[in-house]
Amino acid sequence: MSSKIREEIMVCRANGDNQAAIAKKTGFCQSTISRELKKGKDHEAYNPFLAQRKTDFSAKSRSRRLKINDSTWQVIQNHLAIRWSPCQIADFLHKSVNDATVGPRE
């Protein structure tokens, strides 16, 4: 969600608009607006800067889904050397996950 949308939510909330009205004005569904209002709640008012700070913190704290080991990096480098695109390499790795080059996060 952009800072412009967050500012629009702040103005709508200050004008007394409910979640449904804000959702209609911004084009987001009500559940998204509800989560955003909870995220930016600051002494019963909506604070877009607080919401952005919480979003940034959440994004930084997420862990990677896959553990890429040395043999996987070698496969990637070899395929880049023969001019495969990143999409082709990703497809190849997904199809050959059973060869232990890519495994789930530990």
Protein backbone atom coordinates (compact mmCIF):
# COMPACT_ATOMS: atom_id res chain seq x y z
CA MET A 1 0.00 0.00 0.00
CA SER A 2 1.42 3.37 -0.97
CA SER A 3 1.95 6.31 1.35
CA LYS A 4 -0.60 8.26 -0.70
CA ILE A 5 -3.28 5.63 0.02
CA ARG A 6 -2.33 5.60 3.70
CA GLU A 7 -2.70 9.38 3.83
CA GLU A 8 -6.08 9.08 2.11
CA ILE A 9 -7.15 6.56 4.76
CA MET A 10 -6.04 8.99 7.48
CA VAL A 11 -8.11 11.82 5.97
CA CYS A 12 -11.15 9.57 5.49
CA ARG A 13 -10.91 8.31 9.06
CA ALA A 14 -10.56 11.87 10.40
CA ASN A 15 -13.72 12.77 8.45
CA GLY A 16 -15.56 9.94 10.20
CA ASP A 17 -15.77 7.52 7.28
CA ASN A 18 -16.26 3.86 8.18
CA GLN A 19 -14.28 0.92 6.80
CA ALA A 20 -16.75 0.25 4.01
CA ALA A 21 -16.60 3.83 2.76
CA ILE A 22 -12.81 3.89 2.92
CA ALA A 23 -12.62 0.56 1.07
CA LYS A 24 -14.86 1.90 -1.69
CA LYS A 25 -12.84 5.12 -2.04
CA THR A 26 -9.44 3.40 -2.09
CA GLY A 27 -10.36 0.30 -4.08
CA PHE A 28 -9.19 -2.11 -1.37
CA CYS A 29 -11.42 -4.69 0.28
CA GLN A 30 -12.77 -4.06 3.77
CA SER A 31 -10.57 -6.71 5.38
CA THR A 32 -7.45 -4.96 4.05
CA ILE A 33 -8.67 -1.62 5.41
CA SER A 34 -9.45 -3.26 8.75
CA ARG A 35 -5.92 -4.70 9.03
CA GLU A 36 -4.42 -1.38 7.97
CA LEU A 37 -6.42 0.54 10.59
CA LYS A 38 -5.30 -1.91 13.29
CA LYS A 39 -1.70 -1.65 12.13
CA GLY A 40 -1.75 2.15 12.28
CA LYS A 41 -3.80 2.57 15.46
CA ASP A 42 -2.26 5.27 17.64
CA HIS A 43 -4.33 6.54 20.57
CA GLU A 44 -7.64 5.84 18.80
CA ALA A 45 -6.50 7.61 15.60
CA TYR A 46 -4.94 6.21 12.43
CA ASN A 47 -1.25 7.03 11.96
CA PRO A 48 0.01 6.24 8.43
CA PHE A 49 3.66 6.55 9.50
CA LEU A 50 3.20 3.97 12.25
CA ALA A 51 1.47 1.63 9.80
CA GLN A 52 4.38 1.95 7.36
CA ARG A 53 6.93 1.36 10.14
CA LYS A 54 5.12 -1.82 11.18
CA THR A 55 4.93 -2.98 7.55
CA ASP A 56 8.66 -2.39 7.05
CA PHE A 57 9.52 -4.24 10.26
CA SER A 58 7.33 -7.18 9.28
CA ALA A 59 8.94 -7.40 5.84
CA LYS A 60 12.45 -7.40 7.33
CA SER A 61 11.63 -10.09 9.87
CA ARG A 62 10.28 -12.60 7.32
CA SER A 63 12.61 -15.49 6.66
CA ARG A 64 13.49 -16.99 3.32
CA ARG A 65 11.40 -19.93 2.19
CA LEU A 66 14.23 -21.93 0.65
CA LYS A 67 17.70 -22.72 1.79
CA ILE A 68 20.07 -22.56 -1.17
CA ASN A 69 23.16 -24.65 -0.61
CA ASP A 70 26.54 -24.60 -2.38
CA SER A 71 25.55 -27.16 -5.00
CA THR A 72 22.48 -25.09 -5.91
CA TRP A 73 24.63 -21.98 -6.35
CA GLN A 74 26.90 -24.01 -8.60
CA VAL A 75 23.92 -25.12 -10.71
CA ILE A 76 22.76 -21.50 -10.96
CA GLN A 77 26.22 -20.26 -11.99
CA ASN A 78 26.59 -23.03 -14.60
CA HIS A 79 23.23 -22.23 -16.17
CA LEU A 80 23.96 -18.50 -16.18
CA ALA A 81 27.26 -19.27 -17.93
CA ILE A 82 25.38 -20.96 -20.75
CA ARG A 83 23.08 -17.91 -20.91
CA TRP A 84 19.92 -19.34 -19.39
CA SER A 85 17.47 -16.75 -18.13
CA PRO A 86 16.66 -16.55 -14.40
CA CYS A 87 13.15 -17.83 -15.21
CA GLN A 88 14.55 -20.86 -17.01
CA ILE A 89 16.87 -21.60 -14.09
CA ALA A 90 14.07 -21.24 -11.55
CA ASP A 91 11.88 -23.58 -13.58
CA PHE A 92 14.72 -26.09 -13.83
CA LEU A 93 15.35 -25.94 -10.07
CA HIS A 94 11.66 -26.38 -9.26
CA LYS A 95 11.44 -29.43 -11.50
CA SER A 96 14.62 -31.00 -10.11
CA VAL A 97 14.03 -30.34 -6.40
CA ASN A 98 14.52 -34.07 -5.68
CA ASP A 99 18.20 -33.95 -6.56
CA ALA A 100 19.02 -32.22 -3.22
CA THR A 101 20.18 -28.97 -4.80
CA VAL A 102 17.30 -27.10 -3.21
CA GLY A 103 15.73 -28.03 0.07
CA PRO A 104 13.24 -26.62 2.51
CA ARG A 105 14.35 -24.09 5.08
CA GLU A 106 15.71 -25.68 8.26
